[in-house]
Amino acid sequence: MSVNSTEPGGESCEVRVVLRKAGRTKIRYPARLLSDDGTRIVVHAAWAGDGVRDFGFVRFEPGDVFTEYYWRDRWYAVKEVRDARGGLKGWYCDITRPATLDGGELVVVDLDLDLWCSADGTAVLRLDEDEFEESGLAESDPAAATAAVAALDELEVLATVGGGLESLLT
C-alpha cells in the first residue's frame, strides 16, 4: 500500500505497529497512517505503554503523542515525542531492520540499539549497547550487526549537527 498522505478532514488509515525483538512480538499498537511515499512511512500514535515509563532522561506517560518515521531502506526509526500539551520532549530512535507495511501491519524488528536526543539537543545518548552485544547478532548475522552500528553512528552525528534529527523528518 502506498499513500501520499491523508487529507485534512478525510478518512484516516489505521495501521497496527508491530515491534518484534529476538523473534517475538514485543508490542503491538494502533496508529494513524499520515503518509507513505514508498520509502518512508509516517504514523501518529499515542503512548502505548502501561502507565509511566521513566528512563531517567525522559518520562513517557499517558497523553504523550508520537509521530513515528520508518524507512523501508534504512536501519532505524525516529520517533518525535510530544507531551499531552504538544510540547516537544525529544526524539527516541530505534535501530531496526528496514520496515515493512503489509496488510495494515507496519512491522519493525528491533536490534536493541537506541538513541535519545532531547528537545534542546543538549542530551544525545547512545542506549542499550550492552544489550546489543549480548544479543549475539554480531556472530549470527554480522552484516546486520554492521548495518545496525552504522545506523546508530549516523543518527548520533545527525543529532549533533545543525538541523539535527529534524532534517530527516521534513
N, C-alpha and C. Protein backbone atom coordinates (compact mmCIF):
# COMPACT_ATOMS: atom_id res chain seq x y z
N MET A 1 0.84 -1.17 0.00
CA MET A 1 0.00 0.00 0.00
C MET A 1 0.89 1.23 0.00
N SER A 2 0.61 2.17 -0.84
CA SER A 2 1.37 3.40 -0.90
C SER A 2 0.40 4.57 -0.93
N VAL A 3 0.58 5.48 -0.02
CA VAL A 3 -0.30 6.62 0.11
C VAL A 3 0.55 7.86 0.22
N ASN A 4 0.16 8.94 -0.44
CA ASN A 4 0.92 10.17 -0.29
C ASN A 4 0.67 10.82 1.06
N SER A 5 -0.60 10.92 1.44
CA SER A 5 -0.93 11.45 2.76
C SER A 5 -2.43 11.32 2.97
N THR A 6 -2.84 11.52 4.20
CA THR A 6 -4.27 11.59 4.44
C THR A 6 -4.66 13.04 4.34
N GLU A 7 -5.76 13.30 3.70
CA GLU A 7 -6.21 14.67 3.51
C GLU A 7 -6.87 15.20 4.77
N PRO A 8 -6.68 16.50 5.08
CA PRO A 8 -7.37 17.06 6.24
C PRO A 8 -8.87 16.86 6.08
N GLY A 9 -9.49 16.36 7.13
CA GLY A 9 -10.92 16.12 7.10
C GLY A 9 -11.29 14.83 6.41
N GLY A 10 -10.32 14.17 5.78
CA GLY A 10 -10.59 12.92 5.09
C GLY A 10 -10.47 11.75 6.04
N GLU A 11 -10.73 10.57 5.51
CA GLU A 11 -10.61 9.38 6.34
C GLU A 11 -9.14 9.10 6.64
N SER A 12 -8.88 8.73 7.87
CA SER A 12 -7.51 8.35 8.21
C SER A 12 -7.41 6.85 8.08
N CYS A 13 -6.23 6.41 7.74
CA CYS A 13 -5.98 4.99 7.58
C CYS A 13 -5.33 4.47 8.86
N GLU A 14 -5.95 3.50 9.47
CA GLU A 14 -5.39 2.92 10.69
C GLU A 14 -4.48 1.76 10.32
N VAL A 15 -3.36 1.67 11.02
CA VAL A 15 -2.44 0.55 10.89
C VAL A 15 -2.11 0.06 12.29
N ARG A 16 -1.51 -1.11 12.36
CA ARG A 16 -1.02 -1.63 13.63
C ARG A 16 0.49 -1.68 13.52
N VAL A 17 1.17 -1.01 14.44
CA VAL A 17 2.63 -1.08 14.50
C VAL A 17 2.97 -2.33 15.31
N VAL A 18 3.83 -3.17 14.74
CA VAL A 18 4.25 -4.40 15.39
C VAL A 18 5.76 -4.34 15.56
N LEU A 19 6.19 -4.27 16.81
CA LEU A 19 7.62 -4.23 17.12
C LEU A 19 8.05 -5.61 17.57
N ARG A 20 8.95 -6.20 16.80
CA ARG A 20 9.46 -7.54 17.14
C ARG A 20 10.89 -7.42 17.64
N LYS A 21 11.21 -8.31 18.55
CA LYS A 21 12.56 -8.33 19.12
C LYS A 21 12.87 -9.76 19.52
N ALA A 22 14.04 -10.21 19.13
CA ALA A 22 14.50 -11.56 19.48
C ALA A 22 13.48 -12.63 19.11
N GLY A 23 12.87 -12.48 17.93
CA GLY A 23 11.96 -13.49 17.43
C GLY A 23 10.56 -13.48 17.99
N ARG A 24 10.21 -12.50 18.80
CA ARG A 24 8.86 -12.44 19.36
C ARG A 24 8.31 -11.01 19.23
N THR A 25 7.00 -10.90 19.32
CA THR A 25 6.37 -9.59 19.29
C THR A 25 6.51 -8.94 20.66
N LYS A 26 7.19 -7.80 20.70
CA LYS A 26 7.41 -7.07 21.95
C LYS A 26 6.20 -6.20 22.28
N ILE A 27 5.65 -5.52 21.27
CA ILE A 27 4.48 -4.67 21.47
C ILE A 27 3.77 -4.51 20.13
N ARG A 28 2.46 -4.32 20.23
CA ARG A 28 1.62 -4.09 19.06
C ARG A 28 0.64 -2.98 19.46
N TYR A 29 0.52 -1.94 18.62
CA TYR A 29 -0.36 -0.83 18.97
C TYR A 29 -0.93 -0.16 17.73
N PRO A 30 -2.10 0.46 17.88
CA PRO A 30 -2.72 1.14 16.74
C PRO A 30 -2.06 2.48 16.47
N ALA A 31 -2.05 2.85 15.21
CA ALA A 31 -1.52 4.15 14.80
C ALA A 31 -2.30 4.63 13.58
N ARG A 32 -2.24 5.93 13.35
CA ARG A 32 -2.88 6.52 12.18
C ARG A 32 -1.80 6.79 11.14
N LEU A 33 -2.00 6.24 9.95
CA LEU A 33 -1.05 6.45 8.86
C LEU A 33 -1.16 7.88 8.37
N LEU A 34 -0.07 8.64 8.43
CA LEU A 34 -0.06 10.01 7.95
C LEU A 34 0.42 10.09 6.51
N SER A 35 1.45 9.28 6.18
CA SER A 35 1.95 9.27 4.81
C SER A 35 2.79 8.04 4.55
N ASP A 36 2.88 7.70 3.28
CA ASP A 36 3.71 6.59 2.81
C ASP A 36 4.09 6.92 1.38
N ASP A 37 5.35 7.30 1.18
CA ASP A 37 5.80 7.67 -0.17
C ASP A 37 6.48 6.51 -0.89
N GLY A 38 6.38 5.32 -0.33
CA GLY A 38 7.02 4.16 -0.92
C GLY A 38 8.36 3.83 -0.28
N THR A 39 8.98 4.83 0.37
CA THR A 39 10.24 4.62 1.07
C THR A 39 10.08 4.92 2.56
N ARG A 40 9.46 6.07 2.85
CA ARG A 40 9.28 6.47 4.25
C ARG A 40 7.80 6.40 4.62
N ILE A 41 7.54 5.83 5.79
CA ILE A 41 6.20 5.68 6.32
C ILE A 41 6.12 6.52 7.60
N VAL A 42 5.07 7.33 7.71
CA VAL A 42 4.91 8.18 8.89
C VAL A 42 3.57 7.85 9.53
N VAL A 43 3.61 7.58 10.84
CA VAL A 43 2.38 7.30 11.59
C VAL A 43 2.32 8.17 12.83
N HIS A 44 1.12 8.28 13.37
CA HIS A 44 0.86 9.05 14.58
C HIS A 44 0.23 8.11 15.59
N ALA A 45 0.78 8.07 16.81
CA ALA A 45 0.27 7.13 17.81
C ALA A 45 0.37 7.73 19.20
N ALA A 46 -0.56 7.33 20.05
CA ALA A 46 -0.49 7.69 21.46
C ALA A 46 0.48 6.74 22.16
N TRP A 47 1.01 7.18 23.30
CA TRP A 47 1.88 6.33 24.13
C TRP A 47 1.15 5.02 24.37
N ALA A 48 1.79 3.91 24.02
CA ALA A 48 1.14 2.60 24.07
C ALA A 48 1.52 1.79 25.31
N GLY A 49 2.36 2.34 26.14
CA GLY A 49 2.77 1.61 27.33
C GLY A 49 1.73 1.69 28.44
N ASP A 50 1.90 0.83 29.42
CA ASP A 50 1.05 0.86 30.61
C ASP A 50 1.62 1.88 31.59
N GLY A 51 0.87 2.93 31.89
CA GLY A 51 1.30 3.91 32.87
C GLY A 51 2.51 4.69 32.41
N VAL A 52 3.34 5.07 33.38
CA VAL A 52 4.51 5.90 33.14
C VAL A 52 5.75 5.03 33.02
N ARG A 53 6.61 5.37 32.08
CA ARG A 53 7.91 4.70 31.96
C ARG A 53 8.98 5.77 32.09
N ASP A 54 9.70 5.73 33.20
CA ASP A 54 10.71 6.74 33.48
C ASP A 54 12.09 6.17 33.17
N PHE A 55 12.74 6.72 32.16
CA PHE A 55 14.07 6.25 31.76
C PHE A 55 15.18 7.01 32.49
N GLY A 56 14.82 8.02 33.26
CA GLY A 56 15.82 8.85 33.92
C GLY A 56 16.10 10.11 33.12
N PHE A 57 16.20 9.98 31.82
CA PHE A 57 16.46 11.13 30.95
C PHE A 57 15.17 11.64 30.29
N VAL A 58 14.10 10.83 30.31
CA VAL A 58 12.79 11.22 29.79
C VAL A 58 11.74 10.30 30.41
N ARG A 59 10.53 10.84 30.54
CA ARG A 59 9.39 10.04 31.02
C ARG A 59 8.38 9.95 29.89
N PHE A 60 8.00 8.72 29.55
CA PHE A 60 6.88 8.51 28.63
C PHE A 60 5.68 8.23 29.49
N GLU A 61 4.56 8.88 29.18
CA GLU A 61 3.39 8.76 30.03
C GLU A 61 2.10 8.91 29.24
N PRO A 62 1.00 8.48 29.83
CA PRO A 62 -0.29 8.64 29.15
C PRO A 62 -0.47 10.09 28.70
N GLY A 63 -0.96 10.25 27.49
CA GLY A 63 -1.13 11.58 26.91
C GLY A 63 -0.01 11.95 25.95
N ASP A 64 1.15 11.30 26.07
CA ASP A 64 2.24 11.57 25.13
C ASP A 64 1.82 11.12 23.73
N VAL A 65 2.30 11.87 22.74
CA VAL A 65 1.98 11.57 21.35
C VAL A 65 3.28 11.39 20.58
N PHE A 66 3.28 10.35 19.75
CA PHE A 66 4.47 10.01 18.97
C PHE A 66 4.16 10.16 17.48
N THR A 67 5.00 10.91 16.78
CA THR A 67 4.98 10.90 15.33
C THR A 67 6.19 10.05 14.95
N GLU A 68 5.92 8.90 14.33
CA GLU A 68 6.95 7.89 14.11
C GLU A 68 7.28 7.79 12.63
N TYR A 69 8.56 7.82 12.33
CA TYR A 69 9.07 7.78 10.96
C TYR A 69 9.83 6.48 10.77
N TYR A 70 9.39 5.72 9.77
CA TYR A 70 10.01 4.43 9.45
C TYR A 70 10.44 4.46 7.99
N TRP A 71 11.52 3.73 7.70
CA TRP A 71 12.02 3.65 6.33
C TRP A 71 12.11 2.20 5.88
N ARG A 72 11.83 2.00 4.62
CA ARG A 72 11.97 0.67 4.02
C ARG A 72 13.41 0.41 3.59
N ASP A 73 14.25 1.43 3.59
CA ASP A 73 15.62 1.29 3.11
C ASP A 73 16.67 1.75 4.13
N ARG A 74 16.25 1.98 5.36
CA ARG A 74 17.19 2.40 6.40
C ARG A 74 17.02 1.52 7.63
N TRP A 75 18.05 1.48 8.44
CA TRP A 75 18.11 0.59 9.59
C TRP A 75 17.76 1.31 10.88
N TYR A 76 16.79 2.21 10.81
CA TYR A 76 16.34 2.90 12.02
C TYR A 76 14.94 3.45 11.86
N ALA A 77 14.36 3.82 13.00
CA ALA A 77 13.08 4.52 13.08
C ALA A 77 13.29 5.70 14.02
N VAL A 78 12.71 6.84 13.68
CA VAL A 78 12.82 8.03 14.52
C VAL A 78 11.43 8.40 15.01
N LYS A 79 11.31 8.57 16.32
CA LYS A 79 10.02 8.88 16.93
C LYS A 79 10.10 10.23 17.63
N GLU A 80 9.36 11.19 17.11
CA GLU A 80 9.26 12.50 17.74
C GLU A 80 8.24 12.39 18.87
N VAL A 81 8.64 12.77 20.07
CA VAL A 81 7.80 12.59 21.25
C VAL A 81 7.36 13.95 21.78
N ARG A 82 6.04 14.08 21.93
CA ARG A 82 5.46 15.32 22.48
C ARG A 82 4.58 14.98 23.68
N ASP A 83 4.51 15.91 24.61
CA ASP A 83 3.62 15.71 25.76
C ASP A 83 2.18 16.02 25.37
N ALA A 84 1.27 15.83 26.30
CA ALA A 84 -0.16 16.00 26.03
C ALA A 84 -0.51 17.42 25.58
N ARG A 85 0.29 18.41 25.96
CA ARG A 85 0.03 19.80 25.55
C ARG A 85 0.73 20.17 24.25
N GLY A 86 1.47 19.21 23.67
CA GLY A 86 2.16 19.48 22.41
C GLY A 86 3.61 19.89 22.55
N GLY A 87 4.10 19.98 23.78
CA GLY A 87 5.49 20.35 23.99
C GLY A 87 6.43 19.22 23.58
N LEU A 88 7.46 19.58 22.84
CA LEU A 88 8.43 18.59 22.36
C LEU A 88 9.30 18.09 23.50
N LYS A 89 9.33 16.77 23.70
CA LYS A 89 10.22 16.15 24.68
C LYS A 89 11.55 15.79 24.02
N GLY A 90 11.49 15.30 22.79
CA GLY A 90 12.71 14.91 22.08
C GLY A 90 12.42 13.83 21.08
N TRP A 91 13.50 13.13 20.67
CA TRP A 91 13.40 12.09 19.65
C TRP A 91 13.99 10.80 20.20
N TYR A 92 13.21 9.74 20.11
CA TYR A 92 13.68 8.41 20.50
C TYR A 92 13.88 7.64 19.21
N CYS A 93 15.06 7.12 19.03
CA CYS A 93 15.40 6.42 17.78
C CYS A 93 15.68 4.96 18.08
N ASP A 94 15.00 4.09 17.36
CA ASP A 94 15.24 2.65 17.46
C ASP A 94 16.09 2.22 16.28
N ILE A 95 17.10 1.42 16.54
CA ILE A 95 17.84 0.80 15.45
C ILE A 95 17.09 -0.48 15.12
N THR A 96 16.67 -0.60 13.86
CA THR A 96 15.81 -1.70 13.42
C THR A 96 16.23 -2.17 12.03
N ARG A 97 15.74 -3.31 11.66
CA ARG A 97 15.83 -3.69 10.25
C ARG A 97 14.87 -2.79 9.49
N PRO A 98 15.05 -2.62 8.16
CA PRO A 98 14.10 -1.80 7.40
C PRO A 98 12.66 -2.28 7.62
N ALA A 99 11.75 -1.32 7.69
CA ALA A 99 10.35 -1.59 8.00
C ALA A 99 9.62 -2.20 6.81
N THR A 100 8.54 -2.92 7.12
CA THR A 100 7.64 -3.43 6.08
C THR A 100 6.22 -3.04 6.46
N LEU A 101 5.41 -2.76 5.45
CA LEU A 101 4.00 -2.46 5.66
C LEU A 101 3.22 -3.39 4.75
N ASP A 102 2.44 -4.26 5.38
CA ASP A 102 1.70 -5.26 4.62
C ASP A 102 0.40 -5.57 5.34
N GLY A 103 -0.70 -5.50 4.62
CA GLY A 103 -1.98 -5.87 5.20
C GLY A 103 -2.36 -5.07 6.43
N GLY A 104 -2.00 -3.80 6.47
CA GLY A 104 -2.34 -2.96 7.61
C GLY A 104 -1.42 -3.12 8.81
N GLU A 105 -0.35 -3.91 8.68
CA GLU A 105 0.63 -4.05 9.77
C GLU A 105 1.96 -3.46 9.35
N LEU A 106 2.44 -2.54 10.16
CA LEU A 106 3.76 -1.94 9.99
C LEU A 106 4.69 -2.71 10.92
N VAL A 107 5.56 -3.53 10.34
CA VAL A 107 6.39 -4.43 11.14
C VAL A 107 7.83 -3.94 11.14
N VAL A 108 8.39 -3.83 12.34
CA VAL A 108 9.79 -3.46 12.51
C VAL A 108 10.45 -4.45 13.46
N VAL A 109 11.69 -4.79 13.17
CA VAL A 109 12.45 -5.71 14.01
C VAL A 109 13.52 -4.91 14.73
N ASP A 110 13.38 -4.81 16.06
CA ASP A 110 14.26 -4.05 16.92
C ASP A 110 15.59 -4.78 17.08
N LEU A 111 16.69 -4.05 16.93
CA LEU A 111 18.02 -4.64 17.07
C LEU A 111 18.75 -4.18 18.33
N ASP A 112 17.99 -3.77 19.34
CA ASP A 112 18.48 -3.44 20.67
C ASP A 112 19.09 -2.05 20.83
N LEU A 113 19.80 -1.55 19.84
CA LEU A 113 20.44 -0.24 19.98
C LEU A 113 19.40 0.87 19.87
N ASP A 114 19.60 1.94 20.66
CA ASP A 114 18.70 3.09 20.63
C ASP A 114 19.51 4.37 20.80
N LEU A 115 18.87 5.48 20.44
CA LEU A 115 19.48 6.80 20.63
C LEU A 115 18.39 7.73 21.13
N TRP A 116 18.71 8.54 22.11
CA TRP A 116 17.80 9.58 22.59
C TRP A 116 18.43 10.94 22.33
N CYS A 117 17.62 11.87 21.84
CA CYS A 117 18.05 13.25 21.66
C CYS A 117 17.00 14.14 22.30
N SER A 118 17.39 14.93 23.30
CA SER A 118 16.45 15.81 23.98
C SER A 118 16.00 16.93 23.05
N ALA A 119 14.88 17.55 23.39
CA ALA A 119 14.29 18.60 22.56
C ALA A 119 15.26 19.75 22.30
N ASP A 120 16.07 20.09 23.30
CA ASP A 120 17.00 21.20 23.13
C ASP A 120 18.35 20.75 22.54
N GLY A 121 18.48 19.45 22.29
CA GLY A 121 19.70 18.93 21.66
C GLY A 121 20.89 18.80 22.58
N THR A 122 20.73 19.10 23.87
CA THR A 122 21.88 19.04 24.77
C THR A 122 22.20 17.62 25.24
N ALA A 123 21.23 16.74 25.18
CA ALA A 123 21.46 15.34 25.59
C ALA A 123 21.27 14.44 24.38
N VAL A 124 22.35 13.82 23.96
CA VAL A 124 22.33 12.82 22.88
C VAL A 124 22.95 11.57 23.48
N LEU A 125 22.11 10.56 23.70
CA LEU A 125 22.55 9.38 24.45
C LEU A 125 22.44 8.12 23.61
N ARG A 126 23.53 7.38 23.53
CA ARG A 126 23.52 6.04 22.94
C ARG A 126 23.05 5.09 24.02
N LEU A 127 22.07 4.24 23.67
CA LEU A 127 21.45 3.38 24.68
C LEU A 127 21.54 1.91 24.30
N ASP A 128 21.58 1.07 25.30
CA ASP A 128 21.45 -0.39 25.18
C ASP A 128 22.55 -1.06 24.36
N GLU A 129 23.74 -0.47 24.35
CA GLU A 129 24.85 -1.11 23.64
C GLU A 129 25.22 -2.44 24.29
N ASP A 130 25.03 -2.54 25.61
CA ASP A 130 25.29 -3.81 26.30
C ASP A 130 24.31 -4.89 25.84
N GLU A 131 23.03 -4.54 25.70
CA GLU A 131 22.03 -5.50 25.22
C GLU A 131 22.35 -5.95 23.79
N PHE A 132 22.82 -5.02 22.98
CA PHE A 132 23.19 -5.35 21.61
C PHE A 132 24.33 -6.37 21.58
N GLU A 133 25.33 -6.14 22.40
CA GLU A 133 26.46 -7.09 22.47
C GLU A 133 25.98 -8.46 22.93
N GLU A 134 25.11 -8.48 23.94
CA GLU A 134 24.61 -9.73 24.48
C GLU A 134 23.67 -10.47 23.51
N SER A 135 23.11 -9.76 22.55
CA SER A 135 22.16 -10.38 21.62
C SER A 135 22.82 -11.42 20.72
N GLY A 136 24.13 -11.30 20.52
CA GLY A 136 24.83 -12.24 19.66
C GLY A 136 24.66 -11.97 18.17
N LEU A 137 24.07 -10.82 17.81
CA LEU A 137 23.84 -10.51 16.41
C LEU A 137 25.15 -10.44 15.62
N ALA A 138 26.20 -9.95 16.24
CA ALA A 138 27.49 -9.85 15.54
C ALA A 138 27.98 -11.22 15.06
N GLU A 139 27.63 -12.27 15.80
CA GLU A 139 28.04 -13.62 15.42
C GLU A 139 27.01 -14.26 14.47
N SER A 140 25.73 -14.07 14.76
CA SER A 140 24.69 -14.75 13.97
C SER A 140 24.40 -14.07 12.65
N ASP A 141 24.57 -12.75 12.57
CA ASP A 141 24.30 -12.00 11.34
C ASP A 141 25.22 -10.79 11.29
N PRO A 142 26.51 -11.02 10.97
CA PRO A 142 27.49 -9.93 11.00
C PRO A 142 27.12 -8.73 10.12
N ALA A 143 26.51 -8.98 8.97
CA ALA A 143 26.13 -7.87 8.09
C ALA A 143 25.07 -6.99 8.75
N ALA A 144 24.09 -7.60 9.41
CA ALA A 144 23.05 -6.84 10.11
C ALA A 144 23.66 -6.06 11.28
N ALA A 145 24.58 -6.69 12.00
CA ALA A 145 25.22 -6.01 13.13
C ALA A 145 26.00 -4.79 12.65
N THR A 146 26.71 -4.94 11.55
CA THR A 146 27.46 -3.81 10.99
C THR A 146 26.52 -2.70 10.56
N ALA A 147 25.41 -3.04 9.91
CA ALA A 147 24.41 -2.05 9.48
C ALA A 147 23.80 -1.35 10.69
N ALA A 148 23.55 -2.08 11.76
CA ALA A 148 22.95 -1.51 12.97
C ALA A 148 23.89 -0.49 13.61
N VAL A 149 25.15 -0.83 13.76
CA VAL A 149 26.12 0.09 14.37
C VAL A 149 26.30 1.32 13.48
N ALA A 150 26.36 1.12 12.17
CA ALA A 150 26.48 2.25 11.24
C ALA A 150 25.26 3.17 11.35
N ALA A 151 24.07 2.60 11.51
CA ALA A 151 22.85 3.41 11.65
C ALA A 151 22.89 4.23 12.94
N LEU A 152 23.33 3.62 14.03
CA LEU A 152 23.45 4.35 15.30
C LEU A 152 24.45 5.49 15.17
N ASP A 153 25.58 5.23 14.55
CA ASP A 153 26.60 6.26 14.34
C ASP A 153 26.03 7.41 13.50
N GLU A 154 25.30 7.07 12.43
CA GLU A 154 24.71 8.08 11.56
C GLU A 154 23.73 8.97 12.32
N LEU A 155 22.86 8.35 13.11
CA LEU A 155 21.89 9.13 13.88
C LEU A 155 22.57 10.02 14.92
N GLU A 156 23.61 9.51 15.55
CA GLU A 156 24.32 10.32 16.54
C GLU A 156 24.92 11.56 15.90
N VAL A 157 25.52 11.38 14.73
CA VAL A 157 26.09 12.54 14.02
C VAL A 157 24.98 13.52 13.65
N LEU A 158 23.89 13.02 13.07
CA LEU A 158 22.78 13.90 12.68
C LEU A 158 22.22 14.66 13.88
N ALA A 159 22.16 14.02 15.03
CA ALA A 159 21.60 14.65 16.23
C ALA A 159 22.47 15.78 16.75
N THR A 160 23.75 15.80 16.37
CA THR A 160 24.67 16.78 16.93
C THR A 160 25.09 17.87 15.95
N VAL A 161 24.51 17.89 14.77
CA VAL A 161 24.85 18.92 13.79
C VAL A 161 23.64 19.82 13.54
N GLY A 162 23.88 20.95 12.87
CA GLY A 162 22.79 21.88 12.55
C GLY A 162 21.65 21.17 11.83
N GLY A 163 20.44 21.46 12.24
CA GLY A 163 19.27 20.81 11.66
C GLY A 163 18.86 19.56 12.43
N GLY A 164 19.83 18.95 13.11
CA GLY A 164 19.56 17.80 13.95
C GLY A 164 18.74 16.72 13.28
N LEU A 165 18.07 15.94 14.10
CA LEU A 165 17.25 14.84 13.59
C LEU A 165 16.07 15.35 12.77
N GLU A 166 15.66 16.60 13.01
CA GLU A 166 14.56 17.18 12.24
C GLU A 166 14.84 17.18 10.75
N SER A 167 16.14 17.22 10.37
CA SER A 167 16.49 17.22 8.95
C SER A 167 16.05 15.94 8.25
N LEU A 168 15.89 14.85 9.00
CA LEU A 168 15.40 13.59 8.43
C LEU A 168 13.89 13.60 8.23
N LEU A 169 13.21 14.46 8.96
CA LEU A 169 11.77 14.34 9.08
C LEU A 169 10.99 15.31 8.18
N THR A 170 11.68 16.17 7.49
CA THR A 170 10.98 17.14 6.63
C THR A 170 10.83 16.63 5.21
